[in-house]
PDB file of N, CA and C in Angstrom:
ATOM      1  N   MET A   1     -63.463 -26.771   1.029  1.00  0.00           N
ATOM      2  CA  MET A   1     -61.897 -26.900   1.354  1.00  0.00           C
ATOM      3  C   MET A   1     -62.193 -26.680   3.178  1.00  0.00           C
ATOM      4  N   PRO A   2     -61.347 -28.135   3.356  1.00  0.00           N
ATOM      5  CA  PRO A   2     -61.639 -28.048   5.004  1.00  0.00           C
ATOM      6  C   PRO A   2     -60.632 -27.067   6.184  1.00  0.00           C
ATOM      7  N   LEU A   3     -61.075 -26.805   7.265  1.00  0.00           N
ATOM      8  CA  LEU A   3     -60.380 -26.228   8.390  1.00  0.00           C
ATOM      9  C   LEU A   3     -59.052 -26.591   8.285  1.00  0.00           C
ATOM     10  N   PRO A   4     -57.960 -25.674   8.254  1.00  0.00           N
ATOM     11  CA  PRO A   4     -56.662 -26.457   8.401  1.00  0.00           C
ATOM     12  C   PRO A   4     -56.433 -26.690   9.698  1.00  0.00           C
ATOM     13  N   THR A   5     -55.422 -27.728   9.934  1.00  0.00           N
ATOM     14  CA  THR A   5     -55.273 -28.181  11.175  1.00  0.00           C
ATOM     15  C   THR A   5     -54.079 -27.557  11.945  1.00  0.00           C
ATOM     16  N   GLU A   6     -54.216 -27.341  13.197  1.00  0.00           N
ATOM     17  CA  GLU A   6     -53.581 -26.667  13.794  1.00  0.00           C
ATOM     18  C   GLU A   6     -51.646 -27.115  13.431  1.00  0.00           C
ATOM     19  N   ASP A   7     -50.805 -26.344  13.547  1.00  0.00           N
ATOM     20  CA  ASP A   7     -49.439 -26.693  13.551  1.00  0.00           C
ATOM     21  C   ASP A   7     -49.130 -27.583  12.019  1.00  0.00           C
ATOM     22  N   SER A   8     -50.118 -27.178  11.005  1.00  0.00           N
ATOM     23  CA  SER A   8     -49.909 -27.968   9.563  1.00  0.00           C
ATOM     24  C   SER A   8     -48.996 -26.569   8.763  1.00  0.00           C
ATOM     25  N   ALA A   9     -48.483 -27.065   8.172  1.00  0.00           N
ATOM     26  CA  ALA A   9     -48.125 -26.233   6.805  1.00  0.00           C
ATOM     27  C   ALA A   9     -49.348 -25.457   5.939  1.00  0.00           C
ATOM     28  N   VAL A  10     -49.166 -24.341   6.016  1.00  0.00           N
ATOM     29  CA  VAL A  10     -49.642 -23.703   4.655  1.00  0.00           C
ATOM     30  C   VAL A  10     -49.610 -24.086   3.212  1.00  0.00           C
ATOM     31  N   THR A  11     -50.451 -24.697   2.382  1.00  0.00           N
ATOM     32  CA  THR A  11     -49.957 -25.216   1.017  1.00  0.00           C
ATOM     33  C   THR A  11     -50.401 -24.239   0.229  1.00  0.00           C
ATOM     34  N   GLN A  12     -49.941 -24.256  -0.955  1.00  0.00           N
ATOM     35  CA  GLN A  12     -49.978 -23.526  -2.048  1.00  0.00           C
ATOM     36  C   GLN A  12     -51.397 -23.349  -2.517  1.00  0.00           C
ATOM     37  N   ALA A  13     -52.174 -24.441  -2.496  1.00  0.00           N
ATOM     38  CA  ALA A  13     -53.701 -24.674  -3.027  1.00  0.00           C
ATOM     39  C   ALA A  13     -54.674 -23.855  -1.834  1.00  0.00           C
ATOM     40  N   GLN A  14     -53.843 -23.899  -0.472  1.00  0.00           N
ATOM     41  CA  GLN A  14     -54.698 -23.088   0.205  1.00  0.00           C
ATOM     42  C   GLN A  14     -54.602 -21.466   0.171  1.00  0.00           C
ATOM     43  N   VAL A  15     -53.366 -21.137  -0.487  1.00  0.00           N
ATOM     44  CA  VAL A  15     -53.034 -19.692  -0.787  1.00  0.00           C
ATOM     45  C   VAL A  15     -54.272 -19.624  -1.825  1.00  0.00           C
ATOM     46  N   ASN A  16     -54.158 -20.317  -2.842  1.00  0.00           N
ATOM     47  CA  ASN A  16     -54.390 -20.001  -4.224  1.00  0.00           C
ATOM     48  C   ASN A  16     -56.188 -19.778  -3.796  1.00  0.00           C
ATOM     49  N   ALA A  17     -56.834 -20.494  -3.150  1.00  0.00           N
ATOM     50  CA  ALA A  17     -57.974 -20.367  -2.628  1.00  0.00           C
ATOM     51  C   ALA A  17     -58.361 -19.262  -2.027  1.00  0.00           C
ATOM     52  N   ALA A  18     -57.464 -18.534  -1.500  1.00  0.00           N
ATOM     53  CA  ALA A  18     -57.792 -16.990  -0.666  1.00  0.00           C
ATOM     54  C   ALA A  18     -58.751 -16.280  -1.492  1.00  0.00           C
ATOM     55  N   VAL A  19     -59.713 -15.773  -1.020  1.00  0.00           N
ATOM     56  CA  VAL A  19     -60.724 -15.218  -1.457  1.00  0.00           C
ATOM     57  C   VAL A  19     -60.598 -13.819  -2.045  1.00  0.00           C
ATOM     58  N   ASN A  20     -59.521 -13.334  -1.863  1.00  0.00           N
ATOM     59  CA  ASN A  20     -59.051 -11.984  -2.313  1.00  0.00           C
ATOM     60  C   ASN A  20     -57.475 -12.031  -2.851  1.00  0.00           C
ATOM     61  N   LEU A  21     -57.285 -13.429  -3.505  1.00  0.00           N
ATOM     62  CA  LEU A  21     -56.113 -13.572  -4.041  1.00  0.00           C
ATOM     63  C   LEU A  21     -55.744 -12.581  -5.161  1.00  0.00           C
ATOM     64  N   ALA A  22     -56.628 -11.922  -6.008  1.00  0.00           N
ATOM     65  CA  ALA A  22     -56.097 -11.329  -6.852  1.00  0.00           C
ATOM     66  C   ALA A  22     -55.464  -9.973  -6.404  1.00  0.00           C
ATOM     67  N   ASN A  23     -55.764  -9.606  -5.512  1.00  0.00           N
ATOM     68  CA  ASN A  23     -54.695  -8.484  -4.601  1.00  0.00           C
ATOM     69  C   ASN A  23     -53.441  -8.626  -4.317  1.00  0.00           C
ATOM     70  N   PHE A  24     -53.186 -10.155  -4.278  1.00  0.00           N
ATOM     71  CA  PHE A  24     -51.839 -10.519  -4.017  1.00  0.00           C
ATOM     72  C   PHE A  24     -51.178 -11.416  -4.842  1.00  0.00           C
ATOM     73  N   PRO A  25     -50.863 -10.900  -5.926  1.00  0.00           N
ATOM     74  CA  PRO A  25     -50.431 -11.795  -7.213  1.00  0.00           C
ATOM     75  C   PRO A  25     -49.076 -12.438  -6.699  1.00  0.00           C
ATOM     76  N   GLY A  26     -49.285 -13.500  -7.271  1.00  0.00           N
ATOM     77  CA  GLY A  26     -47.765 -14.437  -6.846  1.00  0.00           C
ATOM     78  C   GLY A  26     -47.625 -14.899  -5.498  1.00  0.00           C
ATOM     79  N   ALA A  27     -48.780 -14.607  -4.812  1.00  0.00           N
ATOM     80  CA  ALA A  27     -48.534 -15.220  -3.190  1.00  0.00           C
ATOM     81  C   ALA A  27     -48.348 -16.760  -3.269  1.00  0.00           C
ATOM     82  N   VAL A  28     -47.688 -17.182  -1.888  1.00  0.00           N
ATOM     83  CA  VAL A  28     -46.871 -18.540  -1.984  1.00  0.00           C
ATOM     84  C   VAL A  28     -47.175 -18.636  -0.095  1.00  0.00           C
ATOM     85  N   PRO A  29     -46.658 -19.909  -0.043  1.00  0.00           N
ATOM     86  CA  PRO A  29     -47.195 -19.942   1.446  1.00  0.00           C
ATOM     87  C   PRO A  29     -45.591 -19.547   2.050  1.00  0.00           C
ATOM     88  N   GLY A  30     -45.862 -19.135   3.249  1.00  0.00           N
ATOM     89  CA  GLY A  30     -44.868 -18.457   4.085  1.00  0.00           C
ATOM     90  C   GLY A  30     -44.204 -19.737   4.954  1.00  0.00           C
ATOM     91  N   GLU A  31     -43.228 -19.452   5.714  1.00  0.00           N
ATOM     92  CA  GLU A  31     -42.873 -20.367   6.700  1.00  0.00           C
ATOM     93  C   GLU A  31     -43.341 -20.783   8.165  1.00  0.00           C
ATOM     94  N   LYS A  32     -44.198 -19.831   8.566  1.00  0.00           N
ATOM     95  CA  LYS A  32     -45.081 -20.215   9.750  1.00  0.00           C
ATOM     96  C   LYS A  32     -46.351 -20.981   9.318  1.00  0.00           C
ATOM     97  N   GLY A  33     -46.744 -21.931   9.892  1.00  0.00           N
ATOM     98  CA  GLY A  33     -47.847 -22.893   9.436  1.00  0.00           C
ATOM     99  C   GLY A  33     -48.970 -22.091  10.487  1.00  0.00           C
ATOM    100  N   TRP A  34     -50.227 -23.162  10.376  1.00  0.00           N
ATOM    101  CA  TRP A  34     -51.535 -22.655  10.652  1.00  0.00           C
ATOM    102  C   TRP A  34     -51.340 -22.642  12.415  1.00  0.00           C
ATOM    103  N   HIS A  35     -51.654 -21.916  12.818  1.00  0.00           N
ATOM    104  CA  HIS A  35     -51.663 -21.554  14.136  1.00  0.00           C
ATOM    105  C   HIS A  35     -53.204 -20.739  14.759  1.00  0.00           C
ATOM    106  N   TYR A  36     -53.379 -21.063  16.026  1.00  0.00           N
ATOM    107  CA  TYR A  36     -54.624 -19.890  16.745  1.00  0.00           C
ATOM    108  C   TYR A  36     -53.542 -18.547  17.259  1.00  0.00           C
ATOM    109  N   GLY A  37     -54.249 -17.522  17.196  1.00  0.00           N
ATOM    110  CA  GLY A  37     -53.146 -16.387  17.308  1.00  0.00           C
ATOM    111  C   GLY A  37     -54.319 -15.179  18.499  1.00  0.00           C
ATOM    112  N   GLN A  38     -54.414 -13.963  18.382  1.00  0.00           N
ATOM    113  CA  GLN A  38     -54.882 -13.168  19.230  1.00  0.00           C
ATOM    114  C   GLN A  38     -56.372 -13.053  18.706  1.00  0.00           C
ATOM    115  N   LEU A  39     -56.719 -12.374  19.655  1.00  0.00           N
ATOM    116  CA  LEU A  39     -58.137 -11.947  19.190  1.00  0.00           C
ATOM    117  C   LEU A  39     -58.273 -10.852  18.106  1.00  0.00           C
ATOM    118  N   GLU A  40     -59.175 -11.199  17.188  1.00  0.00           N
ATOM    119  CA  GLU A  40     -59.465 -10.000  15.960  1.00  0.00           C
ATOM    120  C   GLU A  40     -61.117 -10.064  16.016  1.00  0.00           C
ATOM    121  N   GLY A  41     -61.113  -8.818  16.346  1.00  0.00           N
ATOM    122  CA  GLY A  41     -62.970  -8.283  16.247  1.00  0.00           C
ATOM    123  C   GLY A  41     -63.838  -8.945  15.259  1.00  0.00           C
ATOM    124  N   TRP A  42     -63.225  -9.145  14.247  1.00  0.00           N
ATOM    125  CA  TRP A  42     -64.183  -9.301  13.090  1.00  0.00           C
ATOM    126  C   TRP A  42     -64.326 -10.893  13.228  1.00  0.00           C
ATOM    127  N   ALA A  43     -63.704 -11.479  13.599  1.00  0.00           N
ATOM    128  CA  ALA A  43     -63.603 -13.234  13.480  1.00  0.00           C
ATOM    129  C   ALA A  43     -64.598 -13.594  14.189  1.00  0.00           C
ATOM    130  N   PHE A  44     -65.375 -13.037  15.057  1.00  0.00           N
ATOM    131  CA  PHE A  44     -66.468 -13.419  15.877  1.00  0.00           C
ATOM    132  C   PHE A  44     -67.673 -13.766  14.506  1.00  0.00           C
ATOM    133  N   GLU A  45     -67.857 -12.674  13.659  1.00  0.00           N
ATOM    134  CA  GLU A  45     -68.859 -13.095  12.648  1.00  0.00           C
ATOM    135  C   GLU A  45     -68.302 -13.946  11.571  1.00  0.00           C
ATOM    136  N   PHE A  46     -67.491 -14.696  12.024  1.00  0.00           N
ATOM    137  CA  PHE A  46     -67.032 -15.382  10.629  1.00  0.00           C
ATOM    138  C   PHE A  46     -66.593 -16.571  11.153  1.00  0.00           C
ATOM    139  N   GLY A  47     -67.380 -17.116  12.468  1.00  0.00           N
ATOM    140  CA  GLY A  47     -67.196 -18.610  12.427  1.00  0.00           C
ATOM    141  C   GLY A  47     -66.445 -18.896  13.929  1.00  0.00           C
ATOM    142  N   TYR A  48     -65.975 -17.806  14.449  1.00  0.00           N
ATOM    143  CA  TYR A  48     -65.089 -18.329  15.669  1.00  0.00           C
ATOM    144  C   TYR A  48     -65.566 -17.412  16.890  1.00  0.00           C
ATOM    145  N   PRO A  49     -66.493 -18.429  17.888  1.00  0.00           N
ATOM    146  CA  PRO A  49     -67.261 -17.532  18.773  1.00  0.00           C
ATOM    147  C   PRO A  49     -66.486 -16.973  19.925  1.00  0.00           C
ATOM    148  N   GLU A  50     -65.102 -17.207  19.875  1.00  0.00           N
ATOM    149  CA  GLU A  50     -63.960 -16.591  20.789  1.00  0.00           C
ATOM    150  C   GLU A  50     -63.476 -15.622  20.199  1.00  0.00           C
ATOM    151  N   GLY A  51     -63.490 -15.587  19.023  1.00  0.00           N
ATOM    152  CA  GLY A  51     -62.848 -14.056  18.285  1.00  0.00           C
ATOM    153  C   GLY A  51     -61.678 -14.572  17.985  1.00  0.00           C
ATOM    154  N   ILE A  52     -60.842 -15.660  17.949  1.00  0.00           N
ATOM    155  CA  ILE A  52     -59.460 -16.228  17.627  1.00  0.00           C
ATOM    156  C   ILE A  52     -59.348 -17.413  16.532  1.00  0.00           C
ATOM    157  N   PRO A  53     -59.237 -16.700  15.565  1.00  0.00           N
ATOM    158  CA  PRO A  53     -59.229 -17.139  14.036  1.00  0.00           C
ATOM    159  C   PRO A  53     -57.809 -18.187  14.210  1.00  0.00           C
ATOM    160  N   ILE A  54     -58.035 -19.005  13.209  1.00  0.00           N
ATOM    161  CA  ILE A  54     -56.602 -19.826  12.639  1.00  0.00           C
ATOM    162  C   ILE A  54     -55.784 -19.234  11.280  1.00  0.00           C
ATOM    163  N   TYR A  55     -54.533 -18.930  11.454  1.00  0.00           N
ATOM    164  CA  TYR A  55     -53.641 -18.043  10.741  1.00  0.00           C
ATOM    165  C   TYR A  55     -52.561 -18.864  10.435  1.00  0.00           C
ATOM    166  N   ALA A  56     -51.922 -18.565   9.069  1.00  0.00           N
ATOM    167  CA  ALA A  56     -50.572 -18.778   8.939  1.00  0.00           C
ATOM    168  C   ALA A  56     -50.238 -17.550   8.109  1.00  0.00           C
ATOM    169  N   GLU A  57     -49.282 -17.875   7.351  1.00  0.00           N
ATOM    170  CA  GLU A  57     -47.976 -16.926   7.053  1.00  0.00           C
ATOM    171  C   GLU A  57     -48.228 -17.059   5.265  1.00  0.00           C
ATOM    172  N   CYS A  58     -48.252 -16.104   4.835  1.00  0.00           N
ATOM    173  CA  CYS A  58     -47.635 -16.499   3.297  1.00  0.00           C
ATOM    174  C   CYS A  58     -47.063 -14.866   2.894  1.00  0.00           C
ATOM    175  N   VAL A  59     -46.449 -14.905   1.548  1.00  0.00           N
ATOM    176  CA  VAL A  59     -45.499 -14.217   1.401  1.00  0.00           C
ATOM    177  C   VAL A  59     -46.076 -13.674  -0.200  1.00  0.00           C
ATOM    178  N   ALA A  60     -46.103 -12.404  -0.341  1.00  0.00           N
ATOM    179  CA  ALA A  60     -46.494 -11.682  -1.913  1.00  0.00           C
ATOM    180  C   ALA A  60     -45.802 -10.311  -2.134  1.00  0.00           C
ATOM    181  N   GLY A  61     -44.872 -10.384  -3.373  1.00  0.00           N
ATOM    182  CA  GLY A  61     -44.189  -9.255  -3.551  1.00  0.00           C
ATOM    183  C   GLY A  61     -43.177  -9.032  -2.555  1.00  0.00           C
ATOM    184  N   GLY A  62     -42.697 -10.156  -1.826  1.00  0.00           N
ATOM    185  CA  GLY A  62     -41.367  -9.999  -1.094  1.00  0.00           C
ATOM    186  C   GLY A  62     -41.811  -9.446   0.394  1.00  0.00           C
ATOM    187  N   ALA A  63     -43.268  -9.373   0.761  1.00  0.00           N
ATOM    188  CA  ALA A  63     -43.827  -8.933   1.851  1.00  0.00           C
ATOM    189  C   ALA A  63     -44.775 -10.362   2.506  1.00  0.00           C
ATOM    190  N   SER A  64     -44.332 -10.125   3.652  1.00  0.00           N
ATOM    191  CA  SER A  64     -45.142 -11.242   4.523  1.00  0.00           C
ATOM    192  C   SER A  64     -46.758 -10.641   5.016  1.00  0.00           C
ATOM    193  N   TYR A  65     -47.528 -11.449   4.761  1.00  0.00           N
ATOM    194  CA  TYR A  65     -49.078 -11.231   5.432  1.00  0.00           C
ATOM    195  C   TYR A  65     -49.668 -12.556   6.098  1.00  0.00           C
ATOM    196  N   HIS A  66     -50.725 -12.481   6.520  1.00  0.00           N
ATOM    197  CA  HIS A  66     -51.384 -13.460   7.348  1.00  0.00           C
ATOM    198  C   HIS A  66     -52.562 -13.880   6.139  1.00  0.00           C
ATOM    199  N   ILE A  67     -52.748 -15.299   6.071  1.00  0.00           N
ATOM    200  CA  ILE A  67     -53.873 -15.717   5.839  1.00  0.00           C
ATOM    201  C   ILE A  67     -54.282 -16.370   7.144  1.00  0.00           C
ATOM    202  N   TYR A  68     -55.792 -16.232   6.841  1.00  0.00           N
ATOM    203  CA  TYR A  68     -56.284 -16.374   7.853  1.00  0.00           C
ATOM    204  C   TYR A  68     -57.918 -17.442   7.160  1.00  0.00           C
ATOM    205  N   TRP A  69     -58.311 -18.361   8.014  1.00  0.00           N
ATOM    206  CA  TRP A  69     -59.257 -19.045   7.440  1.00  0.00           C
ATOM    207  C   TRP A  69     -60.891 -18.682   8.008  1.00  0.00           C
ATOM    208  N   LEU A  70     -61.409 -18.122   7.221  1.00  0.00           N
ATOM    209  CA  LEU A  70     -62.959 -17.744   7.186  1.00  0.00           C
ATOM    210  C   LEU A  70     -64.121 -19.201   7.706  1.00  0.00           C
ATOM    211  N   ASN A  71     -63.712 -19.110   8.587  1.00  0.00           N
ATOM    212  CA  ASN A  71     -64.681 -20.685   9.066  1.00  0.00           C
ATOM    213  C   ASN A  71     -66.377 -20.275   9.134  1.00  0.00           C
ATOM    214  N   ASP A  72     -66.721 -19.552   8.229  1.00  0.00           N
ATOM    215  CA  ASP A  72     -68.559 -19.316   8.282  1.00  0.00           C
ATOM    216  C   ASP A  72     -68.582 -20.333   6.849  1.00  0.00           C
ATOM    217  N   GLY A  73     -69.708 -19.273   6.201  1.00  0.00           N
ATOM    218  CA  GLY A  73     -70.137 -20.200   4.802  1.00  0.00           C
ATOM    219  C   GLY A  73     -69.114 -19.961   3.953  1.00  0.00           C
ATOM    220  N   HIS A  74     -67.841 -19.025   3.859  1.00  0.00           N
ATOM    221  CA  HIS A  74     -66.719 -19.174   3.134  1.00  0.00           C
ATOM    222  C   HIS A  74     -66.211 -20.561   2.935  1.00  0.00           C
ATOM    223  N   GLN A  75     -65.929 -20.816   4.248  1.00  0.00           N
ATOM    224  CA  GLN A  75     -65.056 -22.098   4.348  1.00  0.00           C
ATOM    225  C   GLN A  75     -63.943 -21.936   3.508  1.00  0.00           C
ATOM    226  N   ALA A  76     -63.026 -20.775   3.334  1.00  0.00           N
ATOM    227  CA  ALA A  76     -61.835 -20.567   2.295  1.00  0.00           C
ATOM    228  C   ALA A  76     -61.284 -19.452   3.286  1.00  0.00           C
ATOM    229  N   PRO A  77     -59.818 -19.169   2.798  1.00  0.00           N
ATOM    230  CA  PRO A  77     -58.975 -18.096   3.223  1.00  0.00           C
ATOM    231  C   PRO A  77     -59.065 -17.090   2.687  1.00  0.00           C
ATOM    232  N   ILE A  78     -58.194 -16.245   3.363  1.00  0.00           N
ATOM    233  CA  ILE A  78     -58.229 -14.668   3.167  1.00  0.00           C
ATOM    234  C   ILE A  78     -57.045 -14.140   3.867  1.00  0.00           C
ATOM    235  N   ILE A  79     -56.232 -13.501   2.685  1.00  0.00           N
ATOM    236  CA  ILE A  79     -54.866 -12.865   3.000  1.00  0.00           C
ATOM    237  C   ILE A  79     -55.276 -11.303   3.559  1.00  0.00           C
ATOM    238  N   LEU A  80     -54.597 -11.174   4.561  1.00  0.00           N
ATOM    239  CA  LEU A  80     -55.085  -9.725   5.234  1.00  0.00           C
ATOM    240  C   LEU A  80     -53.512  -9.298   5.737  1.00  0.00           C
ATOM    241  N   GLY A  81     -53.285  -7.899   5.408  1.00  0.00           N
ATOM    242  CA  GLY A  81     -52.211  -7.175   5.878  1.00  0.00           C
ATOM    243  C   GLY A  81     -52.435  -6.580   7.576  1.00  0.00           C
ATOM    244  N   ILE A  82     -51.539  -5.862   8.183  1.00  0.00           N
ATOM    245  CA  ILE A  82     -51.358  -5.298   9.374  1.00  0.00           C
ATOM    246  C   ILE A  82     -52.635  -4.464   9.292  1.00  0.00           C
ATOM    247  N   GLY A  83     -53.792  -4.708  10.490  1.00  0.00           N
ATOM    248  CA  GLY A  83     -54.915  -3.615  10.237  1.00  0.00           C
ATOM    249  C   GLY A  83     -55.956  -3.749   9.353  1.00  0.00           C
ATOM    250  N   GLN A  84     -55.842  -4.791   8.551  1.00  0.00           N
ATOM    251  CA  GLN A  84     -56.922  -5.162   7.593  1.00  0.00           C
ATOM    252  C   GLN A  84     -57.756  -6.303   8.300  1.00  0.00           C
ATOM    253  N   THR A  85     -58.913  -6.278   7.671  1.00  0.00           N
ATOM    254  CA  THR A  85     -59.991  -7.064   8.014  1.00  0.00           C
ATOM    255  C   THR A  85     -60.850  -7.787   6.761  1.00  0.00           C
ATOM    256  N   PRO A  86     -61.620  -8.591   6.611  1.00  0.00           N
ATOM    257  CA  PRO A  86     -62.106  -8.990   5.496  1.00  0.00           C
ATOM    258  C   PRO A  86     -63.149  -7.815   4.916  1.00  0.00           C
ATOM    259  N   ALA A  87     -63.514  -6.879   5.650  1.00  0.00           N
ATOM    260  CA  ALA A  87     -64.189  -5.976   4.974  1.00  0.00           C
ATOM    261  C   ALA A  87     -63.436  -4.792   4.136  1.00  0.00           C
ATOM    262  N   THR A  88     -61.820  -4.872   3.971  1.00  0.00           N
ATOM    263  CA  THR A  88     -61.230  -4.074   3.686  1.00  0.00           C
ATOM    264  C   THR A  88     -61.281  -4.426   2.200  1.00  0.00           C
ATOM    265  N   TYR A  89     -61.788  -5.847   2.171  1.00  0.00           N
ATOM    266  CA  TYR A  89     -61.893  -6.557   0.713  1.00  0.00           C
ATOM    267  C   TYR A  89     -63.491  -6.793   0.229  1.00  0.00           C
ATOM    268  N   GLY A  90     -64.013  -6.153   0.429  1.00  0.00           N
ATOM    269  CA  GLY A  90     -65.619  -6.476   0.481  1.00  0.00           C
ATOM    270  C   GLY A  90     -66.428  -7.673   0.836  1.00  0.00           C
ATOM    271  N   VAL A  91     -65.638  -8.271   1.780  1.00  0.00           N
ATOM    272  CA  VAL A  91     -66.033  -9.527   1.993  1.00  0.00           C
ATOM    273  C   VAL A  91     -66.657  -9.339   3.368  1.00  0.00           C
ATOM    274  N   MET A  92     -68.079 -10.301   3.243  1.00  0.00           N
ATOM    275  CA  MET A  92     -68.973 -10.103   4.808  1.00  0.00           C
ATOM    276  C   MET A  92     -69.259 -11.525   4.757  1.00  0.00           C
ATOM    277  N   PRO A  93     -69.884 -11.670   6.740  1.00  0.00           N
ATOM    278  CA  PRO A  93     -70.210 -13.013   6.955  1.00  0.00           C
ATOM    279  C   PRO A  93     -71.143 -13.321   5.984  1.00  0.00           C
ATOM    280  N   GLN A  94     -71.098 -15.030   5.946  1.00  0.00           N
ATOM    281  CA  GLN A  94     -72.111 -15.902   5.097  1.00  0.00           C
ATOM    282  C   GLN A  94     -72.650 -16.558   6.244  1.00  0.00           C
TER     283      GLN A  94
END
């Protein structure tokens, strides 16, 4: 799956491709599309030399989450809540 384009809408296919989708049953795209945000310490190891990943919004169980793009060997999204990192779900850099 290719890196999302900034300012594009998140799609159901992107949500369905999340490496940790099993933890977020019924997840659907949110209203906020793909954009670059703030510095995330974990992002350096996941293909972002400046530590600023592209992410969007998705919704699961009535709650809003961030869906980040893992720009390393995964080339796939991951859904994260506040304070979570890929390591929260056992996902390591590739």
